[in-house]
Amino acid sequence: MRRIMAISLVIILAAGFILMQSGSLLAENGLPQGILKIINDPLYKNSYWGILVKDLESGEVIYQLNMDKLFVPASTTKLFTLSAGLDNFGPDYRFQTPIYRRGKVDS
């Protein structure tokens, strides 16, 4: 599972880099074949992709794929949550989880 997640992260980063480098090509020709090949790979047959590429200066949408669909947050969102937690609580903070019981507990 971790290997698939690592491969997916590399693919996402590579796709982002390719999309940033090929903005005008993207506007003219659609999604680069390398990215289409990844999206259509049988390994990702149950995956749902969303891509939005905008020109940073004009805000013009250069390419979009399912940009109006809602997605479940992925591991990237967890990075923001982790960073906020580290910033607020520090690296040595330990959460305490109280455990309560009613009645007798047999071990």
N, C-alpha and C. Protein backbone atom coordinates (compact mmCIF):
# COMPACT_ATOMS: atom_id res chain seq x y z
N MET A 1 0.82 -1.20 0.00
CA MET A 1 0.00 0.00 0.00
C MET A 1 0.86 1.26 0.00
N ARG A 2 1.93 1.23 0.84
CA ARG A 2 2.81 2.40 0.88
C ARG A 2 3.51 2.61 -0.45
N ARG A 3 3.83 1.51 -1.12
CA ARG A 3 4.50 1.63 -2.41
C ARG A 3 3.58 2.30 -3.43
N ILE A 4 2.32 1.90 -3.43
CA ILE A 4 1.35 2.51 -4.35
C ILE A 4 1.18 3.99 -4.03
N MET A 5 1.14 4.32 -2.72
CA MET A 5 1.00 5.72 -2.34
C MET A 5 2.22 6.53 -2.78
N ALA A 6 3.42 5.95 -2.61
CA ALA A 6 4.64 6.64 -3.02
C ALA A 6 4.66 6.84 -4.54
N ILE A 7 4.28 5.81 -5.27
CA ILE A 7 4.23 5.92 -6.73
C ILE A 7 3.21 6.98 -7.14
N SER A 8 2.05 6.98 -6.48
CA SER A 8 1.03 7.98 -6.79
C SER A 8 1.52 9.39 -6.54
N LEU A 9 2.24 9.58 -5.43
CA LEU A 9 2.78 10.91 -5.12
C LEU A 9 3.76 11.35 -6.20
N VAL A 10 4.63 10.45 -6.61
CA VAL A 10 5.60 10.78 -7.67
C VAL A 10 4.86 11.14 -8.96
N ILE A 11 3.82 10.39 -9.27
CA ILE A 11 3.04 10.66 -10.49
C ILE A 11 2.38 12.03 -10.40
N ILE A 12 1.80 12.33 -9.25
CA ILE A 12 1.12 13.63 -9.09
C ILE A 12 2.12 14.77 -9.22
N LEU A 13 3.28 14.63 -8.57
CA LEU A 13 4.30 15.68 -8.66
C LEU A 13 4.81 15.83 -10.09
N ALA A 14 5.04 14.70 -10.75
CA ALA A 14 5.51 14.76 -12.14
C ALA A 14 4.46 15.38 -13.04
N ALA A 15 3.20 15.01 -12.81
CA ALA A 15 2.12 15.57 -13.62
C ALA A 15 2.04 17.08 -13.42
N GLY A 16 2.16 17.51 -12.17
CA GLY A 16 2.13 18.94 -11.89
C GLY A 16 3.27 19.67 -12.58
N PHE A 17 4.46 19.09 -12.54
CA PHE A 17 5.61 19.70 -13.19
C PHE A 17 5.39 19.78 -14.70
N ILE A 18 4.91 18.68 -15.27
CA ILE A 18 4.67 18.66 -16.72
C ILE A 18 3.63 19.70 -17.09
N LEU A 19 2.56 19.78 -16.30
CA LEU A 19 1.51 20.75 -16.60
C LEU A 19 2.01 22.18 -16.48
N MET A 20 2.85 22.45 -15.49
CA MET A 20 3.39 23.81 -15.33
C MET A 20 4.29 24.18 -16.50
N GLN A 21 5.07 23.20 -16.98
CA GLN A 21 6.01 23.47 -18.05
C GLN A 21 5.35 23.58 -19.41
N SER A 22 4.15 23.01 -19.53
CA SER A 22 3.55 22.95 -20.87
C SER A 22 2.21 23.66 -20.93
N GLY A 23 2.09 24.81 -20.29
CA GLY A 23 0.83 25.54 -20.26
C GLY A 23 0.26 25.85 -21.63
N SER A 24 1.07 26.41 -22.52
CA SER A 24 0.55 26.76 -23.84
C SER A 24 0.26 25.51 -24.67
N LEU A 25 1.10 24.50 -24.56
CA LEU A 25 0.85 23.25 -25.25
C LEU A 25 -0.45 22.63 -24.77
N LEU A 26 -0.66 22.72 -23.49
CA LEU A 26 -1.86 22.17 -22.88
C LEU A 26 -3.10 22.86 -23.41
N ALA A 27 -3.04 24.17 -23.52
CA ALA A 27 -4.18 24.93 -24.02
C ALA A 27 -4.51 24.54 -25.46
N GLU A 28 -3.49 24.23 -26.23
CA GLU A 28 -3.70 23.90 -27.64
C GLU A 28 -4.08 22.45 -27.86
N ASN A 29 -3.45 21.54 -27.14
CA ASN A 29 -3.58 20.12 -27.46
C ASN A 29 -4.28 19.28 -26.40
N GLY A 30 -4.73 19.86 -25.31
CA GLY A 30 -5.34 19.06 -24.25
C GLY A 30 -4.29 18.42 -23.37
N LEU A 31 -4.70 17.42 -22.62
CA LEU A 31 -3.82 16.77 -21.65
C LEU A 31 -2.71 16.00 -22.34
N PRO A 32 -1.43 16.17 -21.89
CA PRO A 32 -0.32 15.44 -22.49
C PRO A 32 -0.54 13.92 -22.43
N GLN A 33 -0.08 13.24 -23.47
CA GLN A 33 -0.29 11.79 -23.58
C GLN A 33 0.30 11.02 -22.39
N GLY A 34 1.41 11.48 -21.84
CA GLY A 34 2.02 10.79 -20.70
C GLY A 34 1.09 10.75 -19.50
N ILE A 35 0.40 11.86 -19.28
CA ILE A 35 -0.53 11.92 -18.15
C ILE A 35 -1.77 11.09 -18.45
N LEU A 36 -2.27 11.15 -19.68
CA LEU A 36 -3.41 10.32 -20.07
C LEU A 36 -3.10 8.84 -19.90
N LYS A 37 -1.88 8.46 -20.23
CA LYS A 37 -1.47 7.06 -20.09
C LYS A 37 -1.53 6.63 -18.62
N ILE A 38 -1.09 7.50 -17.72
CA ILE A 38 -1.13 7.21 -16.29
C ILE A 38 -2.57 7.11 -15.81
N ILE A 39 -3.38 8.09 -16.17
CA ILE A 39 -4.78 8.11 -15.73
C ILE A 39 -5.53 6.87 -16.21
N ASN A 40 -5.23 6.39 -17.41
CA ASN A 40 -5.94 5.25 -17.98
C ASN A 40 -5.31 3.90 -17.65
N ASP A 41 -4.24 3.89 -16.85
CA ASP A 41 -3.57 2.66 -16.47
C ASP A 41 -4.54 1.78 -15.65
N PRO A 42 -4.58 0.47 -15.91
CA PRO A 42 -5.47 -0.42 -15.16
C PRO A 42 -5.24 -0.38 -13.64
N LEU A 43 -4.04 -0.04 -13.21
CA LEU A 43 -3.75 0.08 -11.78
C LEU A 43 -4.66 1.10 -11.12
N TYR A 44 -5.09 2.09 -11.86
CA TYR A 44 -5.92 3.17 -11.32
C TYR A 44 -7.36 3.10 -11.82
N LYS A 45 -7.82 1.90 -12.15
CA LYS A 45 -9.16 1.76 -12.73
C LYS A 45 -10.26 2.26 -11.78
N ASN A 46 -10.02 2.23 -10.47
CA ASN A 46 -11.02 2.70 -9.52
C ASN A 46 -10.74 4.13 -9.03
N SER A 47 -9.78 4.79 -9.66
CA SER A 47 -9.41 6.13 -9.25
C SER A 47 -10.28 7.17 -9.95
N TYR A 48 -10.37 8.33 -9.33
CA TYR A 48 -11.14 9.43 -9.87
C TYR A 48 -10.21 10.64 -9.90
N TRP A 49 -9.98 11.20 -11.06
CA TRP A 49 -8.99 12.25 -11.23
C TRP A 49 -9.64 13.62 -11.37
N GLY A 50 -8.98 14.60 -10.82
CA GLY A 50 -9.38 15.98 -11.00
C GLY A 50 -8.15 16.83 -11.24
N ILE A 51 -8.17 17.61 -12.30
CA ILE A 51 -7.02 18.44 -12.65
C ILE A 51 -7.53 19.83 -13.00
N LEU A 52 -6.87 20.83 -12.46
CA LEU A 52 -7.18 22.22 -12.80
C LEU A 52 -5.86 22.95 -12.96
N VAL A 53 -5.63 23.48 -14.16
CA VAL A 53 -4.42 24.23 -14.43
C VAL A 53 -4.83 25.64 -14.83
N LYS A 54 -4.32 26.63 -14.08
CA LYS A 54 -4.63 28.03 -14.36
C LYS A 54 -3.35 28.81 -14.63
N ASP A 55 -3.46 29.81 -15.46
CA ASP A 55 -2.37 30.75 -15.66
C ASP A 55 -2.29 31.62 -14.41
N LEU A 56 -1.11 31.67 -13.79
CA LEU A 56 -0.97 32.40 -12.53
C LEU A 56 -1.18 33.90 -12.68
N GLU A 57 -0.84 34.43 -13.82
CA GLU A 57 -0.97 35.88 -14.01
C GLU A 57 -2.40 36.30 -14.37
N SER A 58 -3.00 35.60 -15.31
CA SER A 58 -4.33 36.01 -15.77
C SER A 58 -5.47 35.30 -15.04
N GLY A 59 -5.18 34.16 -14.44
CA GLY A 59 -6.22 33.37 -13.79
C GLY A 59 -7.04 32.55 -14.77
N GLU A 60 -6.67 32.61 -16.05
CA GLU A 60 -7.38 31.86 -17.09
C GLU A 60 -7.19 30.36 -16.89
N VAL A 61 -8.28 29.61 -17.03
CA VAL A 61 -8.20 28.15 -16.93
C VAL A 61 -7.60 27.63 -18.23
N ILE A 62 -6.46 26.97 -18.10
CA ILE A 62 -5.77 26.40 -19.26
C ILE A 62 -6.28 25.00 -19.54
N TYR A 63 -6.48 24.22 -18.48
CA TYR A 63 -7.00 22.87 -18.63
C TYR A 63 -7.79 22.51 -17.39
N GLN A 64 -8.87 21.75 -17.58
CA GLN A 64 -9.63 21.28 -16.44
C GLN A 64 -10.16 19.88 -16.74
N LEU A 65 -10.17 19.06 -15.72
CA LEU A 65 -10.75 17.73 -15.79
C LEU A 65 -11.48 17.51 -14.47
N ASN A 66 -12.78 17.45 -14.53
CA ASN A 66 -13.62 17.24 -13.34
C ASN A 66 -13.42 18.31 -12.27
N MET A 67 -13.20 19.54 -12.68
CA MET A 67 -12.93 20.59 -11.69
C MET A 67 -14.17 20.95 -10.87
N ASP A 68 -15.34 20.59 -11.33
CA ASP A 68 -16.56 20.91 -10.60
C ASP A 68 -17.03 19.77 -9.71
N LYS A 69 -16.26 18.70 -9.61
CA LYS A 69 -16.62 17.54 -8.79
C LYS A 69 -16.00 17.68 -7.40
N LEU A 70 -16.64 17.06 -6.42
CA LEU A 70 -16.12 17.05 -5.06
C LEU A 70 -15.27 15.80 -4.85
N PHE A 71 -14.16 15.97 -4.18
CA PHE A 71 -13.25 14.87 -3.91
C PHE A 71 -13.05 14.71 -2.42
N VAL A 72 -12.79 13.47 -1.99
CA VAL A 72 -12.43 13.22 -0.60
C VAL A 72 -10.98 13.67 -0.43
N PRO A 73 -10.68 14.48 0.60
CA PRO A 73 -9.29 14.93 0.78
C PRO A 73 -8.32 13.76 0.88
N ALA A 74 -7.18 13.94 0.27
CA ALA A 74 -6.17 12.88 0.23
C ALA A 74 -5.04 13.18 1.20
N SER A 75 -3.96 12.46 1.04
CA SER A 75 -2.81 12.58 1.93
C SER A 75 -2.24 13.98 1.97
N THR A 76 -2.40 14.73 0.89
CA THR A 76 -1.88 16.08 0.87
C THR A 76 -2.52 16.93 1.96
N THR A 77 -3.81 16.75 2.16
CA THR A 77 -4.52 17.49 3.19
C THR A 77 -3.99 17.13 4.58
N LYS A 78 -3.62 15.87 4.75
CA LYS A 78 -3.08 15.43 6.04
C LYS A 78 -1.79 16.17 6.38
N LEU A 79 -1.03 16.54 5.37
CA LEU A 79 0.21 17.27 5.62
C LEU A 79 -0.07 18.63 6.26
N PHE A 80 -1.12 19.30 5.79
CA PHE A 80 -1.50 20.59 6.38
C PHE A 80 -1.97 20.41 7.82
N THR A 81 -2.74 19.36 8.08
CA THR A 81 -3.22 19.08 9.42
C THR A 81 -2.04 18.79 10.35
N LEU A 82 -1.11 17.97 9.89
CA LEU A 82 0.07 17.64 10.68
C LEU A 82 0.89 18.89 10.97
N SER A 83 1.09 19.72 9.97
CA SER A 83 1.87 20.96 10.16
C SER A 83 1.20 21.88 11.17
N ALA A 84 -0.11 22.01 11.09
CA ALA A 84 -0.84 22.86 12.04
C ALA A 84 -0.71 22.31 13.45
N GLY A 85 -0.81 21.00 13.59
CA GLY A 85 -0.67 20.36 14.90
C GLY A 85 0.72 20.56 15.48
N LEU A 86 1.73 20.37 14.67
CA LEU A 86 3.12 20.58 15.13
C LEU A 86 3.34 22.03 15.53
N ASP A 87 2.80 22.95 14.74
CA ASP A 87 2.97 24.37 15.03
C ASP A 87 2.27 24.76 16.33
N ASN A 88 1.07 24.24 16.54
CA ASN A 88 0.29 24.61 17.73
C ASN A 88 0.74 23.89 19.00
N PHE A 89 1.07 22.60 18.88
CA PHE A 89 1.36 21.80 20.08
C PHE A 89 2.83 21.50 20.28
N GLY A 90 3.63 21.54 19.22
CA GLY A 90 5.04 21.19 19.32
C GLY A 90 5.28 19.71 19.11
N PRO A 91 6.52 19.32 18.82
CA PRO A 91 6.82 17.92 18.49
C PRO A 91 6.76 16.97 19.69
N ASP A 92 6.81 17.49 20.91
CA ASP A 92 6.81 16.62 22.09
C ASP A 92 5.43 16.43 22.70
N TYR A 93 4.41 17.02 22.12
CA TYR A 93 3.06 16.91 22.67
C TYR A 93 2.54 15.48 22.51
N ARG A 94 1.88 15.00 23.55
CA ARG A 94 1.27 13.67 23.51
C ARG A 94 -0.21 13.81 23.83
N PHE A 95 -1.04 13.31 22.97
CA PHE A 95 -2.47 13.31 23.23
C PHE A 95 -2.78 12.28 24.30
N GLN A 96 -3.70 12.60 25.18
CA GLN A 96 -4.13 11.66 26.20
C GLN A 96 -5.54 11.21 25.86
N THR A 97 -5.73 9.92 25.84
CA THR A 97 -7.05 9.36 25.56
C THR A 97 -7.55 8.67 26.82
N PRO A 98 -8.50 9.30 27.50
CA PRO A 98 -9.02 8.67 28.71
C PRO A 98 -9.91 7.47 28.36
N ILE A 99 -9.86 6.46 29.20
CA ILE A 99 -10.68 5.27 29.02
C ILE A 99 -11.55 5.12 30.27
N TYR A 100 -12.83 5.02 30.07
CA TYR A 100 -13.78 4.88 31.16
C TYR A 100 -14.46 3.53 31.08
N ARG A 101 -14.93 3.08 32.23
CA ARG A 101 -15.66 1.80 32.23
C ARG A 101 -16.81 1.89 33.21
N ARG A 102 -17.75 1.02 33.00
CA ARG A 102 -18.84 0.83 33.94
C ARG A 102 -18.85 -0.65 34.31
N GLY A 103 -18.84 -0.91 35.55
CA GLY A 103 -18.88 -2.30 35.99
C GLY A 103 -17.51 -2.92 36.07
N LYS A 104 -17.50 -4.20 36.29
CA LYS A 104 -16.26 -4.98 36.48
C LYS A 104 -15.60 -5.30 35.15
N VAL A 105 -14.29 -5.27 35.11
CA VAL A 105 -13.53 -5.59 33.92
C VAL A 105 -12.76 -6.88 34.20
N ASP A 106 -12.96 -7.90 33.39
CA ASP A 106 -12.21 -9.16 33.53
C ASP A 106 -11.06 -9.14 32.54
N SER A 107 -9.90 -9.57 33.01
CA SER A 107 -8.76 -9.60 32.10
C SER A 107 -8.54 -10.95 31.51
